[in-house]
């Protein structure tokens, strides 16, 4: 069974996010993210909800490996309908939070 560090890394990579981008979102150093992913350290309790929000994963899945409240794979809100949507979603998820908000404001 994968440990927290492996689940964290997999969730980050699934979004196409770098360690640096995740660190920026969480207001920590890239070295901290690297230490978490290499199982040298664990993030503090106060960061878990921020990690959950940034990566879009449940805490159950991230901490315990259980997918109890994960959205179904066929949920239309979580699945791109074509390659163009998938590319847009991947690019959007790579943006820092401020730029994502600016883009949403521009589109809205």
PDB file of N, CA and C in Angstrom:
ATOM      1  N   UNK A   1       0.844  -1.178   0.000  1.00  0.00           N
ATOM      2  CA  UNK A   1       0.000   0.000   0.000  1.00  0.00           C
ATOM      3  C   UNK A   1       0.893   1.247   0.000  1.00  0.00           C
ATOM      4  N   UNK A   2       0.523   2.222  -0.806  1.00  0.00           N
ATOM      5  CA  UNK A   2       1.299   3.447  -0.922  1.00  0.00           C
ATOM      6  C   UNK A   2       1.191   4.260   0.359  1.00  0.00           C
ATOM      7  N   UNK A   3       2.269   4.922   0.716  1.00  0.00           N
ATOM      8  CA  UNK A   3       2.282   5.784   1.889  1.00  0.00           C
ATOM      9  C   UNK A   3       1.832   7.192   1.531  1.00  0.00           C
ATOM     10  N   UNK A   4       1.698   8.022   2.558  1.00  0.00           N
ATOM     11  CA  UNK A   4       1.286   9.411   2.360  1.00  0.00           C
ATOM     12  C   UNK A   4       2.169  10.093   1.323  1.00  0.00           C
ATOM     13  N   UNK A   5       3.482   9.915   1.447  1.00  0.00           N
ATOM     14  CA  UNK A   5       4.407  10.610   0.549  1.00  0.00           C
ATOM     15  C   UNK A   5       4.172  10.219  -0.912  1.00  0.00           C
ATOM     16  N   UNK A   6       3.845   8.967  -1.158  1.00  0.00           N
ATOM     17  CA  UNK A   6       3.597   8.515  -2.532  1.00  0.00           C
ATOM     18  C   UNK A   6       2.252   9.037  -3.047  1.00  0.00           C
ATOM     19  N   UNK A   7       1.250   9.051  -2.178  1.00  0.00           N
ATOM     20  CA  UNK A   7      -0.063   9.568  -2.579  1.00  0.00           C
ATOM     21  C   UNK A   7      -0.004  11.068  -2.845  1.00  0.00           C
ATOM     22  N   UNK A   8       0.767  11.787  -2.034  1.00  0.00           N
ATOM     23  CA  UNK A   8       0.937  13.226  -2.232  1.00  0.00           C
ATOM     24  C   UNK A   8       1.589  13.500  -3.587  1.00  0.00           C
ATOM     25  N   UNK A   9       2.661  12.802  -3.864  1.00  0.00           N
ATOM     26  CA  UNK A   9       3.376  12.988  -5.127  1.00  0.00           C
ATOM     27  C   UNK A   9       2.482  12.630  -6.313  1.00  0.00           C
ATOM     28  N   UNK A  10       1.757  11.528  -6.217  1.00  0.00           N
ATOM     29  CA  UNK A  10       0.880  11.107  -7.305  1.00  0.00           C
ATOM     30  C   UNK A  10      -0.227  12.131  -7.556  1.00  0.00           C
ATOM     31  N   UNK A  11      -0.804  12.682  -6.484  1.00  0.00           N
ATOM     32  CA  UNK A  11      -1.863  13.678  -6.637  1.00  0.00           C
ATOM     33  C   UNK A  11      -1.321  14.944  -7.291  1.00  0.00           C
ATOM     34  N   UNK A  12      -0.118  15.359  -6.886  1.00  0.00           N
ATOM     35  CA  UNK A  12       0.502  16.547  -7.481  1.00  0.00           C
ATOM     36  C   UNK A  12       0.796  16.314  -8.956  1.00  0.00           C
ATOM     37  N   UNK A  13       1.376  15.186  -9.266  1.00  0.00           N
ATOM     38  CA  UNK A  13       1.728  14.883 -10.655  1.00  0.00           C
ATOM     39  C   UNK A  13       0.492  14.711 -11.523  1.00  0.00           C
ATOM     40  N   UNK A  14      -0.587  14.192 -10.966  1.00  0.00           N
ATOM     41  CA  UNK A  14      -1.824  14.018 -11.729  1.00  0.00           C
ATOM     42  C   UNK A  14      -2.363  15.359 -12.219  1.00  0.00           C
ATOM     43  N   UNK A  15      -2.042  16.413 -11.496  1.00  0.00           N
ATOM     44  CA  UNK A  15      -2.467  17.760 -11.893  1.00  0.00           C
ATOM     45  C   UNK A  15      -1.443  18.433 -12.794  1.00  0.00           C
ATOM     46  N   UNK A  16      -0.333  17.756 -13.034  1.00  0.00           N
ATOM     47  CA  UNK A  16       0.726  18.355 -13.846  1.00  0.00           C
ATOM     48  C   UNK A  16       1.420  19.492 -13.116  1.00  0.00           C
ATOM     49  N   UNK A  17       1.412  19.436 -11.801  1.00  0.00           N
ATOM     50  CA  UNK A  17       1.949  20.496 -10.965  1.00  0.00           C
ATOM     51  C   UNK A  17       3.373  20.167 -10.543  1.00  0.00           C
ATOM     52  N   UNK A  18       4.234  21.155 -10.515  1.00  0.00           N
ATOM     53  CA  UNK A  18       5.595  20.958 -10.031  1.00  0.00           C
ATOM     54  C   UNK A  18       5.614  21.092  -8.507  1.00  0.00           C
ATOM     55  N   UNK A  19       6.696  20.626  -7.907  1.00  0.00           N
ATOM     56  CA  UNK A  19       6.859  20.811  -6.466  1.00  0.00           C
ATOM     57  C   UNK A  19       6.881  22.299  -6.131  1.00  0.00           C
ATOM     58  N   UNK A  20       7.507  23.077  -6.986  1.00  0.00           N
ATOM     59  CA  UNK A  20       7.596  24.518  -6.769  1.00  0.00           C
ATOM     60  C   UNK A  20       6.217  25.169  -6.800  1.00  0.00           C
ATOM     61  N   UNK A  21       5.372  24.744  -7.747  1.00  0.00           N
ATOM     62  CA  UNK A  21       4.023  25.308  -7.843  1.00  0.00           C
ATOM     63  C   UNK A  21       3.193  24.946  -6.617  1.00  0.00           C
ATOM     64  N   UNK A  22       3.308  23.701  -6.165  1.00  0.00           N
ATOM     65  CA  UNK A  22       2.576  23.293  -4.965  1.00  0.00           C
ATOM     66  C   UNK A  22       3.073  24.076  -3.757  1.00  0.00           C
ATOM     67  N   UNK A  23       4.374  24.236  -3.648  1.00  0.00           N
ATOM     68  CA  UNK A  23       4.948  24.994  -2.538  1.00  0.00           C
ATOM     69  C   UNK A  23       4.419  26.423  -2.520  1.00  0.00           C
ATOM     70  N   UNK A  24       4.346  27.027  -3.691  1.00  0.00           N
ATOM     71  CA  UNK A  24       3.842  28.407  -3.787  1.00  0.00           C
ATOM     72  C   UNK A  24       2.386  28.486  -3.330  1.00  0.00           C
ATOM     73  N   UNK A  25       1.582  27.524  -3.767  1.00  0.00           N
ATOM     74  CA  UNK A  25       0.170  27.492  -3.376  1.00  0.00           C
ATOM     75  C   UNK A  25       0.001  27.361  -1.863  1.00  0.00           C
ATOM     76  N   UNK A  26       0.905  26.599  -1.247  1.00  0.00           N
ATOM     77  CA  UNK A  26       0.800  26.315   0.187  1.00  0.00           C
ATOM     78  C   UNK A  26       1.590  27.297   1.051  1.00  0.00           C
ATOM     79  N   UNK A  27       2.324  28.188   0.390  1.00  0.00           N
ATOM     80  CA  UNK A  27       3.162  29.165   1.089  1.00  0.00           C
ATOM     81  C   UNK A  27       4.224  28.467   1.953  1.00  0.00           C
ATOM     82  N   UNK A  28       4.860  27.462   1.345  1.00  0.00           N
ATOM     83  CA  UNK A  28       5.978  26.758   1.970  1.00  0.00           C
ATOM     84  C   UNK A  28       7.119  26.722   0.960  1.00  0.00           C
ATOM     85  N   UNK A  29       8.249  26.175   1.340  1.00  0.00           N
ATOM     86  CA  UNK A  29       9.374  26.084   0.412  1.00  0.00           C
ATOM     87  C   UNK A  29       9.269  24.811  -0.435  1.00  0.00           C
ATOM     88  N   UNK A  30       9.930  24.856  -1.588  1.00  0.00           N
ATOM     89  CA  UNK A  30      10.006  23.667  -2.442  1.00  0.00           C
ATOM     90  C   UNK A  30      10.705  22.536  -1.688  1.00  0.00           C
ATOM     91  N   UNK A  31      11.670  22.886  -0.857  1.00  0.00           N
ATOM     92  CA  UNK A  31      12.379  21.877  -0.062  1.00  0.00           C
ATOM     93  C   UNK A  31      11.424  21.148   0.882  1.00  0.00           C
ATOM     94  N   UNK A  32      10.414  21.859   1.407  1.00  0.00           N
ATOM     95  CA  UNK A  32       9.434  21.206   2.283  1.00  0.00           C
ATOM     96  C   UNK A  32       8.631  20.177   1.509  1.00  0.00           C
ATOM     97  N   UNK A  33       8.170  20.553   0.317  1.00  0.00           N
ATOM     98  CA  UNK A  33       7.394  19.620  -0.503  1.00  0.00           C
ATOM     99  C   UNK A  33       8.254  18.414  -0.864  1.00  0.00           C
ATOM    100  N   UNK A  34       9.500  18.656  -1.224  1.00  0.00           N
ATOM    101  CA  UNK A  34      10.409  17.564  -1.552  1.00  0.00           C
ATOM    102  C   UNK A  34      10.597  16.630  -0.351  1.00  0.00           C
ATOM    103  N   UNK A  35      10.758  17.202   0.832  1.00  0.00           N
ATOM    104  CA  UNK A  35      10.931  16.383   2.045  1.00  0.00           C
ATOM    105  C   UNK A  35       9.687  15.544   2.314  1.00  0.00           C
ATOM    106  N   UNK A  36       8.496  16.106   2.084  1.00  0.00           N
ATOM    107  CA  UNK A  36       7.260  15.340   2.283  1.00  0.00           C
ATOM    108  C   UNK A  36       7.194  14.176   1.307  1.00  0.00           C
ATOM    109  N   UNK A  37       7.519  14.467   0.028  1.00  0.00           N
ATOM    110  CA  UNK A  37       7.405  13.453  -1.015  1.00  0.00           C
ATOM    111  C   UNK A  37       8.484  12.377  -0.915  1.00  0.00           C
ATOM    112  N   UNK A  38       9.559  12.682  -0.240  1.00  0.00           N
ATOM    113  CA  UNK A  38      10.635  11.697  -0.049  1.00  0.00           C
ATOM    114  C   UNK A  38      10.590  11.069   1.340  1.00  0.00           C
ATOM    115  N   UNK A  39       9.491  11.301   2.037  1.00  0.00           N
ATOM    116  CA  UNK A  39       9.213  10.696   3.342  1.00  0.00           C
ATOM    117  C   UNK A  39      10.259  11.031   4.408  1.00  0.00           C
ATOM    118  N   UNK A  40      10.856  12.227   4.285  1.00  0.00           N
ATOM    119  CA  UNK A  40      11.797  12.687   5.310  1.00  0.00           C
ATOM    120  C   UNK A  40      11.074  13.494   6.386  1.00  0.00           C
ATOM    121  N   UNK A  41       9.949  14.105   6.012  1.00  0.00           N
ATOM    122  CA  UNK A  41       9.143  14.914   6.928  1.00  0.00           C
ATOM    123  C   UNK A  41       7.682  14.738   6.552  1.00  0.00           C
ATOM    124  N   UNK A  42       6.808  15.220   7.433  1.00  0.00           N
ATOM    125  CA  UNK A  42       5.370  15.243   7.161  1.00  0.00           C
ATOM    126  C   UNK A  42       4.910  16.688   7.287  1.00  0.00           C
ATOM    127  N   UNK A  43       3.917  17.101   6.505  1.00  0.00           N
ATOM    128  CA  UNK A  43       3.403  18.463   6.657  1.00  0.00           C
ATOM    129  C   UNK A  43       2.686  18.612   7.991  1.00  0.00           C
ATOM    130  N   UNK A  44       2.667  19.814   8.497  1.00  0.00           N
ATOM    131  CA  UNK A  44       1.945  20.074   9.733  1.00  0.00           C
ATOM    132  C   UNK A  44       0.445  19.914   9.538  1.00  0.00           C
ATOM    133  N   UNK A  45      -0.228  19.649  10.625  1.00  0.00           N
ATOM    134  CA  UNK A  45      -1.675  19.426  10.597  1.00  0.00           C
ATOM    135  C   UNK A  45      -2.414  20.590   9.950  1.00  0.00           C
ATOM    136  N   UNK A  46      -1.980  21.815  10.215  1.00  0.00           N
ATOM    137  CA  UNK A  46      -2.663  22.997   9.681  1.00  0.00           C
ATOM    138  C   UNK A  46      -2.616  23.060   8.157  1.00  0.00           C
ATOM    139  N   UNK A  47      -1.667  22.365   7.547  1.00  0.00           N
ATOM    140  CA  UNK A  47      -1.538  22.404   6.089  1.00  0.00           C
ATOM    141  C   UNK A  47      -2.404  21.372   5.367  1.00  0.00           C
ATOM    142  N   UNK A  48      -2.884  20.374   6.080  1.00  0.00           N
ATOM    143  CA  UNK A  48      -3.605  19.290   5.406  1.00  0.00           C
ATOM    144  C   UNK A  48      -4.828  19.773   4.635  1.00  0.00           C
ATOM    145  N   UNK A  49      -5.605  20.683   5.203  1.00  0.00           N
ATOM    146  CA  UNK A  49      -6.797  21.160   4.485  1.00  0.00           C
ATOM    147  C   UNK A  49      -6.403  21.987   3.270  1.00  0.00           C
ATOM    148  N   UNK A  50      -5.295  22.733   3.355  1.00  0.00           N
ATOM    149  CA  UNK A  50      -4.824  23.491   2.196  1.00  0.00           C
ATOM    150  C   UNK A  50      -4.342  22.551   1.095  1.00  0.00           C
ATOM    151  N   UNK A  51      -3.627  21.498   1.494  1.00  0.00           N
ATOM    152  CA  UNK A  51      -3.155  20.509   0.522  1.00  0.00           C
ATOM    153  C   UNK A  51      -4.355  19.866  -0.169  1.00  0.00           C
ATOM    154  N   UNK A  52      -5.363  19.501   0.635  1.00  0.00           N
ATOM    155  CA  UNK A  52      -6.591  18.911   0.091  1.00  0.00           C
ATOM    156  C   UNK A  52      -7.219  19.841  -0.952  1.00  0.00           C
ATOM    157  N   UNK A  53      -7.343  21.116  -0.616  1.00  0.00           N
ATOM    158  CA  UNK A  53      -7.984  22.071  -1.516  1.00  0.00           C
ATOM    159  C   UNK A  53      -7.183  22.276  -2.802  1.00  0.00           C
ATOM    160  N   UNK A  54      -5.877  22.404  -2.673  1.00  0.00           N
ATOM    161  CA  UNK A  54      -5.025  22.644  -3.844  1.00  0.00           C
ATOM    162  C   UNK A  54      -4.998  21.431  -4.766  1.00  0.00           C
ATOM    163  N   UNK A  55      -4.895  20.237  -4.185  1.00  0.00           N
ATOM    164  CA  UNK A  55      -4.781  19.032  -5.003  1.00  0.00           C
ATOM    165  C   UNK A  55      -6.130  18.430  -5.388  1.00  0.00           C
ATOM    166  N   UNK A  56      -7.191  18.860  -4.723  1.00  0.00           N
ATOM    167  CA  UNK A  56      -8.523  18.350  -5.051  1.00  0.00           C
ATOM    168  C   UNK A  56      -8.707  16.888  -4.704  1.00  0.00           C
ATOM    169  N   UNK A  57      -8.100  16.457  -3.600  1.00  0.00           N
ATOM    170  CA  UNK A  57      -8.242  15.075  -3.140  1.00  0.00           C
ATOM    171  C   UNK A  57      -8.823  15.081  -1.737  1.00  0.00           C
ATOM    172  N   UNK A  58      -9.471  14.001  -1.371  1.00  0.00           N
ATOM    173  CA  UNK A  58     -10.013  13.913  -0.022  1.00  0.00           C
ATOM    174  C   UNK A  58      -8.882  13.646   0.966  1.00  0.00           C
ATOM    175  N   UNK A  59      -9.079  14.092   2.189  1.00  0.00           N
ATOM    176  CA  UNK A  59      -8.085  13.805   3.218  1.00  0.00           C
ATOM    177  C   UNK A  59      -8.013  12.318   3.506  1.00  0.00           C
ATOM    178  N   UNK A  60      -9.159  11.625   3.420  1.00  0.00           N
ATOM    179  CA  UNK A  60      -9.136  10.173   3.616  1.00  0.00           C
ATOM    180  C   UNK A  60      -8.200   9.511   2.624  1.00  0.00           C
ATOM    181  N   UNK A  61      -8.316   9.908   1.374  1.00  0.00           N
ATOM    182  CA  UNK A  61      -7.467   9.312   0.347  1.00  0.00           C
ATOM    183  C   UNK A  61      -6.007   9.702   0.552  1.00  0.00           C
ATOM    184  N   UNK A  62      -5.782  10.959   0.831  1.00  0.00           N
ATOM    185  CA  UNK A  62      -4.413  11.445   0.970  1.00  0.00           C
ATOM    186  C   UNK A  62      -3.706  10.856   2.195  1.00  0.00           C
ATOM    187  N   UNK A  63      -4.379  10.856   3.332  1.00  0.00           N
ATOM    188  CA  UNK A  63      -3.753  10.414   4.571  1.00  0.00           C
ATOM    189  C   UNK A  63      -3.819   8.902   4.758  1.00  0.00           C
ATOM    190  N   UNK A  64      -4.990   8.329   4.456  1.00  0.00           N
ATOM    191  CA  UNK A  64      -5.197   6.906   4.747  1.00  0.00           C
ATOM    192  C   UNK A  64      -5.145   6.007   3.516  1.00  0.00           C
ATOM    193  N   UNK A  65      -5.301   6.590   2.360  1.00  0.00           N
ATOM    194  CA  UNK A  65      -5.332   5.788   1.151  1.00  0.00           C
ATOM    195  C   UNK A  65      -6.721   5.303   0.809  1.00  0.00           C
ATOM    196  N   UNK A  66      -7.734   5.762   1.529  1.00  0.00           N
ATOM    197  CA  UNK A  66      -9.118   5.365   1.266  1.00  0.00           C
ATOM    198  C   UNK A  66      -9.767   6.394   0.358  1.00  0.00           C
ATOM    199  N   UNK A  67     -10.555   5.923  -0.579  1.00  0.00           N
ATOM    200  CA  UNK A  67     -11.244   6.823  -1.503  1.00  0.00           C
ATOM    201  C   UNK A  67     -12.716   6.927  -1.133  1.00  0.00           C
ATOM    202  N   UNK A  68     -13.002   7.165   0.121  1.00  0.00           N
ATOM    203  CA  UNK A  68     -14.374   7.128   0.604  1.00  0.00           C
ATOM    204  C   UNK A  68     -15.247   8.243   0.064  1.00  0.00           C
ATOM    205  N   UNK A  69     -14.701   9.448  -0.088  1.00  0.00           N
ATOM    206  CA  UNK A  69     -15.557  10.535  -0.568  1.00  0.00           C
ATOM    207  C   UNK A  69     -15.070  11.112  -1.891  1.00  0.00           C
ATOM    208  N   UNK A  70     -14.346  10.316  -2.652  1.00  0.00           N
ATOM    209  CA  UNK A  70     -13.886  10.766  -3.963  1.00  0.00           C
ATOM    210  C   UNK A  70     -15.055  10.797  -4.929  1.00  0.00           C
ATOM    211  N   UNK A  71     -15.008  11.730  -5.870  1.00  0.00           N
ATOM    212  CA  UNK A  71     -16.062  11.820  -6.871  1.00  0.00           C
ATOM    213  C   UNK A  71     -15.963  10.636  -7.814  1.00  0.00           C
ATOM    214  N   UNK A  72     -17.086  10.136  -8.280  1.00  0.00           N
ATOM    215  CA  UNK A  72     -17.047   9.028  -9.235  1.00  0.00           C
ATOM    216  C   UNK A  72     -16.297   9.420 -10.500  1.00  0.00           C
ATOM    217  N   UNK A  73     -15.660   8.452 -11.123  1.00  0.00           N
ATOM    218  CA  UNK A  73     -14.866   8.727 -12.323  1.00  0.00           C
ATOM    219  C   UNK A  73     -15.714   9.280 -13.458  1.00  0.00           C
ATOM    220  N   UNK A  74     -17.008   8.964 -13.482  1.00  0.00           N
ATOM    221  CA  UNK A  74     -17.850   9.441 -14.567  1.00  0.00           C
ATOM    222  C   UNK A  74     -18.572  10.740 -14.232  1.00  0.00           C
ATOM    223  N   UNK A  75     -18.208  11.395 -13.134  1.00  0.00           N
ATOM    224  CA  UNK A  75     -18.791  12.672 -12.758  1.00  0.00           C
ATOM    225  C   UNK A  75     -18.438  13.702 -13.833  1.00  0.00           C
ATOM    226  N   UNK A  76     -19.435  14.271 -14.535  1.00  0.00           N
ATOM    227  CA  UNK A  76     -19.139  15.194 -15.642  1.00  0.00           C
ATOM    228  C   UNK A  76     -18.410  16.459 -15.194  1.00  0.00           C
ATOM    229  N   UNK A  77     -18.487  16.809 -13.921  1.00  0.00           N
ATOM    230  CA  UNK A  77     -17.771  17.981 -13.429  1.00  0.00           C
ATOM    231  C   UNK A  77     -16.275  17.728 -13.311  1.00  0.00           C
ATOM    232  N   UNK A  78     -15.846  16.467 -13.289  1.00  0.00           N
ATOM    233  CA  UNK A  78     -14.447  16.135 -13.051  1.00  0.00           C
ATOM    234  C   UNK A  78     -13.761  15.511 -14.255  1.00  0.00           C
ATOM    235  N   UNK A  79     -14.482  15.316 -15.356  1.00  0.00           N
ATOM    236  CA  UNK A  79     -13.928  14.631 -16.508  1.00  0.00           C
ATOM    237  C   UNK A  79     -13.995  15.543 -17.730  1.00  0.00           C
ATOM    238  N   UNK A  80     -12.869  15.691 -18.408  1.00  0.00           N
ATOM    239  CA  UNK A  80     -12.847  16.465 -19.645  1.00  0.00           C
ATOM    240  C   UNK A  80     -13.565  15.681 -20.739  1.00  0.00           C
ATOM    241  N   UNK A  81     -14.310  16.390 -21.564  1.00  0.00           N
ATOM    242  CA  UNK A  81     -15.081  15.727 -22.614  1.00  0.00           C
ATOM    243  C   UNK A  81     -14.284  15.473 -23.889  1.00  0.00           C
ATOM    244  N   UNK A  82     -13.172  16.186 -24.054  1.00  0.00           N
ATOM    245  CA  UNK A  82     -12.353  15.994 -25.246  1.00  0.00           C
ATOM    246  C   UNK A  82     -10.917  16.435 -24.940  1.00  0.00           C
ATOM    247  N   UNK A  83     -10.041  16.267 -25.902  1.00  0.00           N
ATOM    248  CA  UNK A  83      -8.627  16.591 -25.696  1.00  0.00           C
ATOM    249  C   UNK A  83      -8.405  18.072 -25.429  1.00  0.00           C
ATOM    250  N   UNK A  84      -9.191  18.936 -26.090  1.00  0.00           N
ATOM    251  CA  UNK A  84      -9.042  20.375 -25.864  1.00  0.00           C
ATOM    252  C   UNK A  84      -9.386  20.743 -24.423  1.00  0.00           C
ATOM    253  N   UNK A  85     -10.487  20.197 -23.903  1.00  0.00           N
ATOM    254  CA  UNK A  85     -10.857  20.460 -22.510  1.00  0.00           C
ATOM    255  C   UNK A  85      -9.801  19.910 -21.557  1.00  0.00           C
ATOM    256  N   UNK A  86      -9.272  18.761 -21.856  1.00  0.00           N
ATOM    257  CA  UNK A  86      -8.244  18.164 -20.999  1.00  0.00           C
ATOM    258  C   UNK A  86      -7.002  19.054 -20.968  1.00  0.00           C
ATOM    259  N   UNK A  87      -6.607  19.584 -22.126  1.00  0.00           N
ATOM    260  CA  UNK A  87      -5.441  20.462 -22.192  1.00  0.00           C
ATOM    261  C   UNK A  87      -5.691  21.754 -21.417  1.00  0.00           C
ATOM    262  N   UNK A  88      -6.883  22.320 -21.545  1.00  0.00           N
ATOM    263  CA  UNK A  88      -7.223  23.537 -20.806  1.00  0.00           C
ATOM    264  C   UNK A  88      -7.218  23.288 -19.303  1.00  0.00           C
ATOM    265  N   UNK A  89      -7.806  22.186 -18.889  1.00  0.00           N
ATOM    266  CA  UNK A  89      -7.864  21.854 -17.474  1.00  0.00           C
ATOM    267  C   UNK A  89      -6.463  21.653 -16.903  1.00  0.00           C
ATOM    268  N   UNK A  90      -5.620  20.975 -17.643  1.00  0.00           N
ATOM    269  CA  UNK A  90      -4.252  20.744 -17.190  1.00  0.00           C
ATOM    270  C   UNK A  90      -3.496  22.066 -17.067  1.00  0.00           C
ATOM    271  N   UNK A  91      -3.656  22.951 -18.051  1.00  0.00           N
ATOM    272  CA  UNK A  91      -2.990  24.258 -18.009  1.00  0.00           C
ATOM    273  C   UNK A  91      -3.528  25.104 -16.858  1.00  0.00           C
ATOM    274  N   UNK A  92      -4.839  25.069 -16.650  1.00  0.00           N
ATOM    275  CA  UNK A  92      -5.466  25.826 -15.565  1.00  0.00           C
ATOM    276  C   UNK A  92      -4.926  25.365 -14.208  1.00  0.00           C
ATOM    277  N   UNK A  93      -4.816  24.065 -14.023  1.00  0.00           N
ATOM    278  CA  UNK A  93      -4.358  23.531 -12.741  1.00  0.00           C
ATOM    279  C   UNK A  93      -2.899  23.849 -12.460  1.00  0.00           C
ATOM    280  N   UNK A  94      -2.130  24.134 -13.493  1.00  0.00           N
ATOM    281  CA  UNK A  94      -0.728  24.487 -13.302  1.00  0.00           C
ATOM    282  C   UNK A  94      -0.561  25.941 -12.861  1.00  0.00           C
ATOM    283  N   UNK A  95      -1.592  26.762 -13.069  1.00  0.00           N
ATOM    284  CA  UNK A  95      -1.500  28.176 -12.721  1.00  0.00           C
ATOM    285  C   UNK A  95      -1.514  28.377 -11.208  1.00  0.00           C
ATOM    286  N   UNK A  96      -0.783  29.382 -10.739  1.00  0.00           N
ATOM    287  CA  UNK A  96      -0.888  29.741  -9.326  1.00  0.00           C
ATOM    288  C   UNK A  96      -2.309  30.233  -9.024  1.00  0.00           C
ATOM    289  N   UNK A  97      -2.695  30.192  -7.783  1.00  0.00           N
ATOM    290  CA  UNK A  97      -4.060  30.531  -7.382  1.00  0.00           C
ATOM    291  C   UNK A  97      -4.480  31.917  -7.858  1.00  0.00           C
ATOM    292  N   UNK A  98      -3.616  32.899  -7.742  1.00  0.00           N
ATOM    293  CA  UNK A  98      -3.966  34.269  -8.152  1.00  0.00           C
ATOM    294  C   UNK A  98      -4.235  34.353  -9.655  1.00  0.00           C
ATOM    295  N   UNK A  99      -3.459  33.638 -10.425  1.00  0.00           N
ATOM    296  CA  UNK A  99      -3.665  33.661 -11.880  1.00  0.00           C
ATOM    297  C   UNK A  99      -4.928  32.903 -12.270  1.00  0.00           C
ATOM    298  N   UNK A 100      -5.228  31.802 -11.557  1.00  0.00           N
ATOM    299  CA  UNK A 100      -6.477  31.088 -11.828  1.00  0.00           C
ATOM    300  C   UNK A 100      -7.665  32.008 -11.576  1.00  0.00           C
ATOM    301  N   UNK A 101      -7.614  32.750 -10.451  1.00  0.00           N
ATOM    302  CA  UNK A 101      -8.711  33.659 -10.123  1.00  0.00           C
ATOM    303  C   UNK A 101      -8.815  34.765 -11.164  1.00  0.00           C
ATOM    304  N   UNK A 102      -7.699  35.303 -11.606  1.00  0.00           N
ATOM    305  CA  UNK A 102      -7.704  36.348 -12.627  1.00  0.00           C
ATOM    306  C   UNK A 102      -8.323  35.815 -13.931  1.00  0.00           C
ATOM    307  N   UNK A 103      -7.985  34.605 -14.300  1.00  0.00           N
ATOM    308  CA  UNK A 103      -8.545  33.997 -15.503  1.00  0.00           C
ATOM    309  C   UNK A 103     -10.045  33.823 -15.364  1.00  0.00           C
ATOM    310  N   UNK A 104     -10.485  33.341 -14.218  1.00  0.00           N
ATOM    311  CA  UNK A 104     -11.931  33.169 -13.978  1.00  0.00           C
ATOM    312  C   UNK A 104     -12.653  34.512 -14.036  1.00  0.00           C
ATOM    313  N   UNK A 105     -12.028  35.550 -13.471  1.00  0.00           N
ATOM    314  CA  UNK A 105     -12.627  36.884 -13.530  1.00  0.00           C
ATOM    315  C   UNK A 105     -12.728  37.382 -14.969  1.00  0.00           C
ATOM    316  N   UNK A 106     -11.715  37.107 -15.757  1.00  0.00           N
ATOM    317  CA  UNK A 106     -11.705  37.509 -17.158  1.00  0.00           C
ATOM    318  C   UNK A 106     -12.799  36.788 -17.954  1.00  0.00           C
ATOM    319  N   UNK A 107     -12.969  35.512 -17.681  1.00  0.00           N
ATOM    320  CA  UNK A 107     -13.969  34.716 -18.399  1.00  0.00           C
ATOM    321  C   UNK A 107     -15.390  34.983 -17.919  1.00  0.00           C
ATOM    322  N   UNK A 108     -15.511  35.340 -16.642  1.00  0.00           N
ATOM    323  CA  UNK A 108     -16.843  35.505 -16.051  1.00  0.00           C
ATOM    324  C   UNK A 108     -17.416  36.830 -16.323  1.00  0.00           C
TER     325      UNK A 108
END
